[in-house]
């Protein structure tokens, strides 16, 4: 066999081996890896309930307390689901999400592979099973969630910003109309002085929301004045899968309610610090790091951040791998974050924590979170702790042009002032 053929065969074998390991891990993790599309069944049932003329936000699935929690615009887009049996809807959903995962992986990994002289096709094919096995990705597909689609919409705007497209902001606007938390990306656009993109995002979100108001005014009014603020509709704050700051605080104080003033102080401080880092990355030319930090900030400060919401750790891992492979970082970044070994170590630890579904080894019933001791509390909060480590240490990368300017700029004369 020719060397090229042997190389292709070896690469194919490596990809198949990674896929097999991903499948095995997905079966061996301590929690149910698929959940029988539970959330998708909630959406489908709520859409059918609404289509029959009953109030959308009165719906609950079976004997559970779970109902529809998204804005009415999302419900409008889900109405076609009611025309198909749930098995067909699940098949379409899984197919779409796998295609989105493949597309996002290619968009994230292909430039990295080219930059470091690696075969693009092999790098992207190998990355898909690695990213698939991470719990946020697995559970987005298994629950029938929309997180990968929201991630793709925001990343599409990153691509549009790079091209200078007048349509930059449409993806963020649609994501915010589908689910409120992506509205934080509009703040990111404003802080980075992308006035036009921020206006497009706000306008797109307003048009989509206005459409829902026009079609279902009573439902829309109820959502924005009442349902939006009822966090208890989506589950207990102290559940292990709630990996937000408020979730961790609720587990620490369980069975008492978490002190909201303490959470508010922590949330405001975290939001301010992470957005400062996001803006700094964007000004250095790394919008991917900027939006990644913004997405993770939204996860930290949201009252409820289920583990599948943490899909923003996917681009974070890609940025860390890029730095570990030698891409230059923004000046002023801490020595730890500038280190290639440190970036690689953080990426490896984060991937291991997420792939192993580690938090479920310490899952506790309500009222018993502290019974497991300090180690149990730490393990139960591992996704949150990983997110905090990433937002604290994720370096912004220099663009090729800025890095070249740094390396080719003439040195200052001896004794000259840095000013």
Protein backbone atom coordinates (compact mmCIF):
# COMPACT_ATOMS: atom_id res chain seq x y z
CA UNK A 1 0.00 0.00 0.00
CA UNK A 2 1.26 3.47 -0.91
CA UNK A 3 2.32 5.80 1.94
CA UNK A 4 -0.68 8.06 1.27
CA UNK A 5 -3.03 5.08 1.40
CA UNK A 6 -1.47 3.83 4.63
CA UNK A 7 -1.79 7.28 6.16
CA UNK A 8 -5.45 7.53 5.16
CA UNK A 9 -6.14 4.04 6.54
CA UNK A 10 -4.43 4.91 9.83
CA UNK A 11 -6.41 8.13 10.12
CA UNK A 12 -9.69 6.33 9.40
CA UNK A 13 -8.84 3.70 12.01
CA UNK A 14 -8.05 6.42 14.56
CA UNK A 15 -11.38 8.16 13.91
CA UNK A 16 -13.28 4.87 14.22
CA UNK A 17 -11.44 4.10 17.46
CA UNK A 18 -12.38 7.51 18.87
CA UNK A 19 -15.99 6.97 17.83
CA UNK A 20 -16.01 3.57 19.54
CA UNK A 21 -14.56 5.04 22.75
CA UNK A 22 -17.13 7.85 22.64
CA UNK A 23 -19.95 5.31 22.27
CA UNK A 24 -18.56 3.22 25.13
CA UNK A 25 -18.18 6.21 27.44
CA UNK A 26 -21.73 7.31 26.61
CA UNK A 27 -22.99 3.96 27.87
CA UNK A 28 -20.79 3.75 30.97
CA UNK A 29 -21.41 7.23 32.41
CA UNK A 30 -23.19 7.21 35.79
CA UNK A 31 -26.31 9.04 34.56
CA UNK A 32 -28.78 8.10 31.84
CA UNK A 33 -26.98 9.12 28.63
CA UNK A 34 -30.08 9.66 26.47
CA UNK A 35 -33.09 10.55 28.66
CA UNK A 36 -35.50 9.37 25.96
CA UNK A 37 -35.77 12.91 24.54
CA UNK A 38 -37.58 14.06 27.67
CA UNK A 39 -37.40 17.79 26.94
CA UNK A 40 -38.41 17.26 23.33
CA UNK A 41 -41.50 15.42 24.56
CA UNK A 42 -42.31 18.40 26.79
CA UNK A 43 -42.00 20.76 23.81
CA UNK A 44 -44.09 18.51 21.59
CA UNK A 45 -46.79 18.08 24.23
CA UNK A 46 -46.90 21.81 24.97
CA UNK A 47 -47.14 22.70 21.28
CA UNK A 48 -50.00 20.23 20.79
CA UNK A 49 -51.75 21.56 23.92
CA UNK A 50 -51.42 25.13 22.64
CA UNK A 51 -52.54 24.23 19.12
CA UNK A 52 -55.73 22.78 20.60
CA UNK A 53 -56.58 26.20 22.07
CA UNK A 54 -55.40 25.79 25.66
CA UNK A 55 -53.01 28.22 27.45
CA UNK A 56 -49.42 27.34 26.55
CA UNK A 57 -47.97 27.95 30.01
CA UNK A 58 -50.64 25.90 31.78
CA UNK A 59 -49.26 22.71 30.23
CA UNK A 60 -47.35 20.17 32.33
CA UNK A 61 -45.89 16.94 31.01
CA UNK A 62 -47.57 13.83 32.43
CA UNK A 63 -47.43 13.81 36.21
CA UNK A 64 -44.37 16.04 36.37
CA UNK A 65 -44.23 19.76 37.10
CA UNK A 66 -42.34 20.44 33.87
CA UNK A 67 -43.94 22.71 31.32
CA UNK A 68 -42.95 25.02 28.49
CA UNK A 69 -40.45 27.65 29.65
CA UNK A 70 -39.30 29.32 26.43
CA UNK A 71 -40.73 32.53 24.88
CA UNK A 72 -43.80 32.22 22.63
CA UNK A 73 -41.64 32.74 19.50
CA UNK A 74 -39.98 29.40 20.24
CA UNK A 75 -43.40 27.78 20.62
CA UNK A 76 -44.43 29.13 17.21
CA UNK A 77 -41.42 27.47 15.61
CA UNK A 78 -42.24 24.20 17.38
CA UNK A 79 -45.85 23.98 16.19
CA UNK A 80 -44.90 21.92 13.07
CA UNK A 81 -43.67 19.21 15.45
CA UNK A 82 -47.29 18.37 16.21
CA UNK A 83 -47.81 17.14 12.64
CA UNK A 84 -45.43 14.20 13.13
CA UNK A 85 -45.24 11.34 15.62
CA UNK A 86 -42.76 11.96 18.42
CA UNK A 87 -40.43 9.23 17.10
CA UNK A 88 -40.11 11.05 13.78
CA UNK A 89 -39.60 14.38 15.56
CA UNK A 90 -36.86 12.81 17.68
CA UNK A 91 -35.15 11.37 14.60
CA UNK A 92 -35.23 14.74 12.84
CA UNK A 93 -33.98 16.51 15.96
CA UNK A 94 -31.08 14.08 16.46
CA UNK A 95 -30.10 14.33 12.79
CA UNK A 96 -30.19 18.13 12.80
CA UNK A 97 -28.12 18.29 15.99
CA UNK A 98 -25.51 15.88 14.66
CA UNK A 99 -25.24 17.94 11.48
CA UNK A 100 -24.94 21.13 13.55
CA UNK A 101 -22.25 19.49 15.69
CA UNK A 102 -20.33 18.46 12.57
CA UNK A 103 -20.65 21.96 11.08
CA UNK A 104 -19.62 23.74 14.27
CA UNK A 105 -16.69 21.34 14.68
CA UNK A 106 -15.49 22.02 11.14
CA UNK A 107 -15.82 25.78 11.63
CA UNK A 108 -13.89 25.68 14.90
CA UNK A 109 -11.25 23.06 14.13
CA UNK A 110 -10.43 23.52 10.43
CA UNK A 111 -8.71 26.93 10.89
CA UNK A 112 -6.78 25.55 13.85
CA UNK A 113 -5.60 22.55 11.81
CA UNK A 114 -4.52 24.76 8.90
CA UNK A 115 -2.70 27.14 11.22
CA UNK A 116 -0.65 24.35 12.76
CA UNK A 117 -0.09 22.31 9.61
CA UNK A 118 -2.38 19.39 10.47
CA UNK A 119 -4.60 17.51 7.99
CA UNK A 120 -7.92 19.34 8.08
CA UNK A 121 -10.20 16.42 7.27
CA UNK A 122 -8.65 14.12 9.84
CA UNK A 123 -8.56 16.81 12.56
CA UNK A 124 -12.25 17.62 12.10
CA UNK A 125 -13.33 13.98 11.86
CA UNK A 126 -11.36 13.12 15.00
CA UNK A 127 -12.75 16.10 16.89
CA UNK A 128 -16.42 15.18 16.32
CA UNK A 129 -16.48 12.08 18.60
CA UNK A 130 -14.32 13.87 21.17
CA UNK A 131 -16.79 16.76 21.36
CA UNK A 132 -19.81 14.45 21.13
CA UNK A 133 -18.83 12.59 24.28
CA UNK A 134 -18.82 15.77 26.38
CA UNK A 135 -21.92 15.82 28.58
CA UNK A 136 -23.31 19.18 27.39
CA UNK A 137 -23.32 17.89 23.80
CA UNK A 138 -24.55 14.38 24.66
CA UNK A 139 -27.35 15.67 26.83
CA UNK A 140 -28.42 18.33 24.36
CA UNK A 141 -29.09 15.51 21.90
CA UNK A 142 -30.41 13.04 24.47
CA UNK A 143 -32.86 15.47 26.06
CA UNK A 144 -33.91 16.96 22.73
CA UNK A 145 -32.59 20.41 23.61
CA UNK A 146 -31.74 23.43 21.44
CA UNK A 147 -28.33 24.42 22.85
CA UNK A 148 -26.25 23.41 19.83
CA UNK A 149 -28.55 25.38 17.52
CA UNK A 150 -28.21 28.47 19.74
CA UNK A 151 -24.42 28.01 19.79
CA UNK A 152 -24.38 27.79 15.98
CA UNK A 153 -26.51 30.94 15.62
CA UNK A 154 -24.10 32.97 17.77
CA UNK A 155 -21.00 31.54 16.05
CA UNK A 156 -22.57 32.45 12.69
CA UNK A 157 -22.47 36.04 13.89
CA UNK A 158 -18.80 35.67 14.81
CA UNK A 159 -18.17 34.60 11.21
CA UNK A 160 -20.29 37.52 9.95
CA UNK A 161 -18.33 39.99 12.10
CA UNK A 162 -15.07 38.70 10.66
CA UNK A 163 -16.40 39.27 7.12
CA UNK A 164 -17.78 42.68 7.99
CA UNK A 165 -21.23 41.52 6.93
CA UNK A 166 -24.18 43.85 7.37
CA UNK A 167 -26.16 40.83 8.61
CA UNK A 168 -23.97 40.35 11.67
CA UNK A 169 -26.30 40.22 14.67
CA UNK A 170 -29.16 38.29 13.09
CA UNK A 171 -28.06 35.03 14.72
CA UNK A 172 -27.80 36.58 18.17
CA UNK A 173 -31.19 38.25 17.76
CA UNK A 174 -32.87 34.98 16.81
CA UNK A 175 -31.13 33.13 19.66
CA UNK A 176 -32.34 35.76 22.15
CA UNK A 177 -35.91 35.50 20.80
CA UNK A 178 -35.79 31.72 21.21
CA UNK A 179 -34.29 31.82 24.70
CA UNK A 180 -33.72 34.94 26.78
CA UNK A 181 -30.14 34.36 28.01
CA UNK A 182 -28.43 34.88 24.59
CA UNK A 183 -29.51 38.52 24.95
CA UNK A 184 -26.24 38.97 26.88
CA UNK A 185 -24.43 38.81 23.53
CA UNK A 186 -26.11 42.10 22.58
CA UNK A 187 -24.37 43.62 25.62
CA UNK A 188 -21.10 42.11 24.35
CA UNK A 189 -21.62 43.76 20.95
CA UNK A 190 -22.28 47.10 22.63
CA UNK A 191 -19.23 46.81 24.89
CA UNK A 192 -17.04 46.01 21.87
CA UNK A 193 -18.57 48.97 19.97
CA UNK A 194 -20.18 46.94 17.22
CA UNK A 195 -23.03 49.40 17.10
CA UNK A 196 -24.52 48.19 13.84
CA UNK A 197 -24.37 44.51 14.81
CA UNK A 198 -25.90 45.30 18.20
CA UNK A 199 -28.71 47.18 16.47
CA UNK A 200 -29.29 44.33 14.04
CA UNK A 201 -29.37 41.82 16.92
CA UNK A 202 -31.78 43.93 18.98
CA UNK A 203 -33.94 44.60 15.93
CA UNK A 204 -34.06 40.93 14.93
CA UNK A 205 -35.00 39.89 18.44
CA UNK A 206 -37.65 42.60 18.61
CA UNK A 207 -39.18 41.61 15.26
CA UNK A 208 -39.31 37.92 16.21
CA UNK A 209 -40.80 38.72 19.61
CA UNK A 210 -43.22 41.18 18.02
CA UNK A 211 -44.36 38.48 15.62
CA UNK A 212 -45.19 36.26 18.58
CA UNK A 213 -47.05 39.15 20.23
CA UNK A 214 -49.06 39.68 17.04
CA UNK A 215 -50.00 36.00 16.78
CA UNK A 216 -50.51 35.33 20.50
CA UNK A 217 -50.71 38.58 22.49
CA UNK A 218 -52.15 37.09 25.68
CA UNK A 219 -49.61 34.28 25.75
CA UNK A 220 -46.73 36.69 25.12
CA UNK A 221 -47.91 39.10 27.82
CA UNK A 222 -48.20 36.28 30.31
CA UNK A 223 -44.70 35.03 29.53
CA UNK A 224 -42.91 38.36 29.92
CA UNK A 225 -44.87 39.53 32.97
CA UNK A 226 -45.19 36.29 34.94
CA UNK A 227 -43.84 33.00 33.54
CA UNK A 228 -40.35 34.33 32.84
CA UNK A 229 -39.78 35.01 36.53
CA UNK A 230 -41.05 31.67 37.86
CA UNK A 231 -37.78 29.75 38.11
CA UNK A 232 -39.45 26.99 40.15
CA UNK A 233 -41.29 25.85 36.99
CA UNK A 234 -38.11 24.29 35.58
CA UNK A 235 -37.02 22.34 38.66
CA UNK A 236 -35.35 22.67 42.06
CA UNK A 237 -32.46 25.09 42.32
CA UNK A 238 -30.36 22.61 44.28
CA UNK A 239 -30.51 19.80 41.71
CA UNK A 240 -27.09 18.42 40.87
CA UNK A 241 -27.53 19.30 37.21
CA UNK A 242 -27.95 23.01 38.02
CA UNK A 243 -24.35 24.17 37.64
CA UNK A 244 -24.91 27.90 38.06
CA UNK A 245 -23.64 30.04 40.93
CA UNK A 246 -27.13 30.02 42.42
CA UNK A 247 -27.31 26.23 42.09
CA UNK A 248 -24.08 25.80 44.04
CA UNK A 249 -25.29 28.23 46.69
CA UNK A 250 -28.59 26.36 46.94
CA UNK A 251 -26.78 23.07 47.54
CA UNK A 252 -24.64 24.66 50.24
CA UNK A 253 -27.67 26.03 52.11
CA UNK A 254 -30.07 23.15 51.38
CA UNK A 255 -32.69 22.58 52.77
CA UNK A 256 -32.90 26.35 53.41
CA UNK A 257 -33.33 28.71 50.49
CA UNK A 258 -30.10 30.28 49.17
CA UNK A 259 -29.56 33.91 50.25
CA UNK A 260 -30.47 35.91 47.15
CA UNK A 261 -28.44 39.03 48.11
CA UNK A 262 -25.28 36.87 48.33
CA UNK A 263 -26.05 35.35 44.94
CA UNK A 264 -26.70 38.77 43.43
CA UNK A 265 -23.33 40.08 44.61
CA UNK A 266 -21.54 37.00 43.27
CA UNK A 267 -23.42 37.15 39.95
CA UNK A 268 -22.74 40.86 39.38
CA UNK A 269 -19.06 40.44 40.25
CA UNK A 270 -18.68 37.39 37.99
CA UNK A 271 -20.51 39.09 35.12
CA UNK A 272 -18.40 42.23 35.34
CA UNK A 273 -15.08 40.39 35.55
CA UNK A 274 -15.84 37.95 32.73
CA UNK A 275 -17.19 40.64 30.40
CA UNK A 276 -14.03 42.70 30.96
CA UNK A 277 -11.99 39.70 29.84
CA UNK A 278 -14.33 39.12 26.88
CA UNK A 279 -13.95 42.71 25.69
CA UNK A 280 -10.18 42.53 26.07
CA UNK A 281 -10.10 39.39 23.91
CA UNK A 282 -12.32 41.00 21.27
CA UNK A 283 -10.14 44.12 21.08
CA UNK A 284 -7.14 41.88 20.44
CA UNK A 285 -9.05 40.39 17.51
CA UNK A 286 -10.29 37.14 19.08
CA UNK A 287 -14.08 37.32 18.89
CA UNK A 288 -14.33 33.56 19.38
CA UNK A 289 -12.77 33.85 22.84
CA UNK A 290 -14.90 36.94 23.47
CA UNK A 291 -18.25 35.31 22.73
CA UNK A 292 -17.15 32.11 24.48
CA UNK A 293 -16.46 34.03 27.67
CA UNK A 294 -19.78 35.87 27.28
CA UNK A 295 -21.66 32.59 26.84
CA UNK A 296 -20.01 31.13 29.92
CA UNK A 297 -20.80 34.31 31.87
CA UNK A 298 -24.48 33.81 31.02
CA UNK A 299 -24.23 30.24 32.33
CA UNK A 300 -22.69 31.42 35.60
CA UNK A 301 -25.23 34.15 36.40
CA UNK A 302 -28.41 32.48 35.16
CA UNK A 303 -30.49 31.10 38.07
CA UNK A 304 -30.77 27.76 36.28
CA UNK A 305 -27.90 26.36 34.20
CA UNK A 306 -28.47 22.70 33.49
CA UNK A 307 -25.37 20.78 32.51
CA UNK A 308 -26.48 20.69 28.85
CA UNK A 309 -26.44 24.50 28.77
CA UNK A 310 -22.64 24.43 29.10
CA UNK A 311 -22.06 23.88 25.37
CA UNK A 312 -19.97 27.07 25.49
CA UNK A 313 -17.20 24.95 26.95
CA UNK A 314 -16.84 23.40 23.48
CA UNK A 315 -15.32 26.50 21.80
CA UNK A 316 -13.40 27.15 25.01
CA UNK A 317 -11.65 23.80 24.63
CA UNK A 318 -10.80 24.61 21.01
CA UNK A 319 -9.26 27.95 22.02
CA UNK A 320 -7.21 26.22 24.73
CA UNK A 321 -6.00 23.55 22.30
CA UNK A 322 -5.04 26.28 19.83
CA UNK A 323 -2.96 28.04 22.50
CA UNK A 324 -1.43 24.71 23.55
CA UNK A 325 -0.42 24.18 19.92
CA UNK A 326 1.47 27.47 19.90
CA UNK A 327 -0.86 30.31 18.90
CA UNK A 328 0.24 33.64 20.47
CA UNK A 329 -1.94 35.18 23.15
CA UNK A 330 -2.94 38.70 24.10
CA UNK A 331 -0.19 40.73 25.85
CA UNK A 332 -0.85 41.11 29.56
CA UNK A 333 -2.29 37.60 29.89
CA UNK A 334 -1.13 35.94 33.09
CA UNK A 335 1.99 33.74 32.76
CA UNK A 336 -0.10 30.67 33.68
CA UNK A 337 -2.56 31.27 30.85
CA UNK A 338 0.26 32.03 28.38
CA UNK A 339 1.88 28.65 29.00
CA UNK A 340 1.24 26.09 26.28
CA UNK A 341 1.42 23.29 28.82
CA UNK A 342 -1.02 25.02 31.14
CA UNK A 343 -3.54 25.60 28.34
CA UNK A 344 -3.27 21.98 27.28
CA UNK A 345 -3.63 20.77 30.86
CA UNK A 346 -6.75 22.86 31.44
CA UNK A 347 -8.28 21.59 28.18
CA UNK A 348 -7.51 17.96 29.12
CA UNK A 349 -8.91 18.28 32.66
CA UNK A 350 -12.05 20.07 31.45
CA UNK A 351 -12.65 17.44 28.76
CA UNK A 352 -12.17 14.61 31.28
CA UNK A 353 -14.54 16.23 33.80
CA UNK A 354 -17.26 16.68 31.15
CA UNK A 355 -16.81 13.36 29.35
CA UNK A 356 -16.94 11.32 32.56
CA UNK A 357 -20.17 13.01 33.76
CA UNK A 358 -18.24 13.46 37.00
CA UNK A 359 -20.87 15.43 38.93
CA UNK A 360 -23.20 12.44 38.97
CA UNK A 361 -20.81 10.40 41.13
CA UNK A 362 -21.80 12.73 43.99
CA UNK A 363 -25.47 13.28 43.16
CA UNK A 364 -27.46 13.84 46.34
CA UNK A 365 -31.15 13.96 47.17
CA UNK A 366 -32.71 17.26 48.27
CA UNK A 367 -31.77 18.02 51.87
CA UNK A 368 -28.69 15.79 51.78
CA UNK A 369 -26.16 17.64 49.63
CA UNK A 370 -23.87 18.43 52.54
CA UNK A 371 -23.99 14.90 53.96
CA UNK A 372 -21.33 13.79 51.46
CA UNK A 373 -18.75 16.07 53.05
CA UNK A 374 -16.37 18.53 51.42
CA UNK A 375 -15.29 16.10 48.68
CA UNK A 376 -18.87 15.34 47.77
CA UNK A 377 -19.72 19.04 47.53
CA UNK A 378 -16.67 19.67 45.33
CA UNK A 379 -17.46 16.77 42.99
CA UNK A 380 -21.12 17.81 42.73
CA UNK A 381 -19.98 21.30 41.65
CA UNK A 382 -17.21 20.19 39.27
CA UNK A 383 -18.83 21.62 36.13
CA UNK A 384 -19.24 24.98 37.84
CA UNK A 385 -15.66 24.89 39.11
CA UNK A 386 -14.44 23.97 35.61
CA UNK A 387 -16.40 26.88 34.14
CA UNK A 388 -14.91 29.26 36.72
CA UNK A 389 -11.40 28.04 35.90
CA UNK A 390 -12.00 28.51 32.19
CA UNK A 391 -13.44 32.02 32.48
CA UNK A 392 -10.56 33.01 34.77
CA UNK A 393 -7.80 31.60 32.58
CA UNK A 394 -9.04 31.41 28.98
CA UNK A 395 -6.58 33.55 26.99
CA UNK A 396 -7.54 35.71 24.06
CA UNK A 397 -5.44 34.93 21.00
CA UNK A 398 -3.71 37.45 18.75
CA UNK A 399 -4.82 37.53 15.14
CA UNK A 400 -2.15 36.64 12.58
CA UNK A 401 -1.81 40.29 11.54
CA UNK A 402 -1.35 41.51 15.11
CA UNK A 403 1.09 38.72 15.93
CA UNK A 404 3.11 39.56 12.81
CA UNK A 405 3.14 43.24 13.78
CA UNK A 406 4.51 42.31 17.20
CA UNK A 407 7.31 40.17 15.76
CA UNK A 408 8.30 42.57 12.95
CA UNK A 409 8.04 45.88 14.81
CA UNK A 410 11.46 47.53 15.25
CA UNK A 411 12.81 47.46 18.76
CA UNK A 412 13.01 50.71 20.71
CA UNK A 413 16.37 52.43 21.07
CA UNK A 414 18.21 51.58 24.24
CA UNK A 415 17.06 53.71 27.12
CA UNK A 416 13.84 54.88 25.43
CA UNK A 417 10.71 55.27 27.51
CA UNK A 418 7.95 52.72 27.05
CA UNK A 419 5.64 55.72 26.72
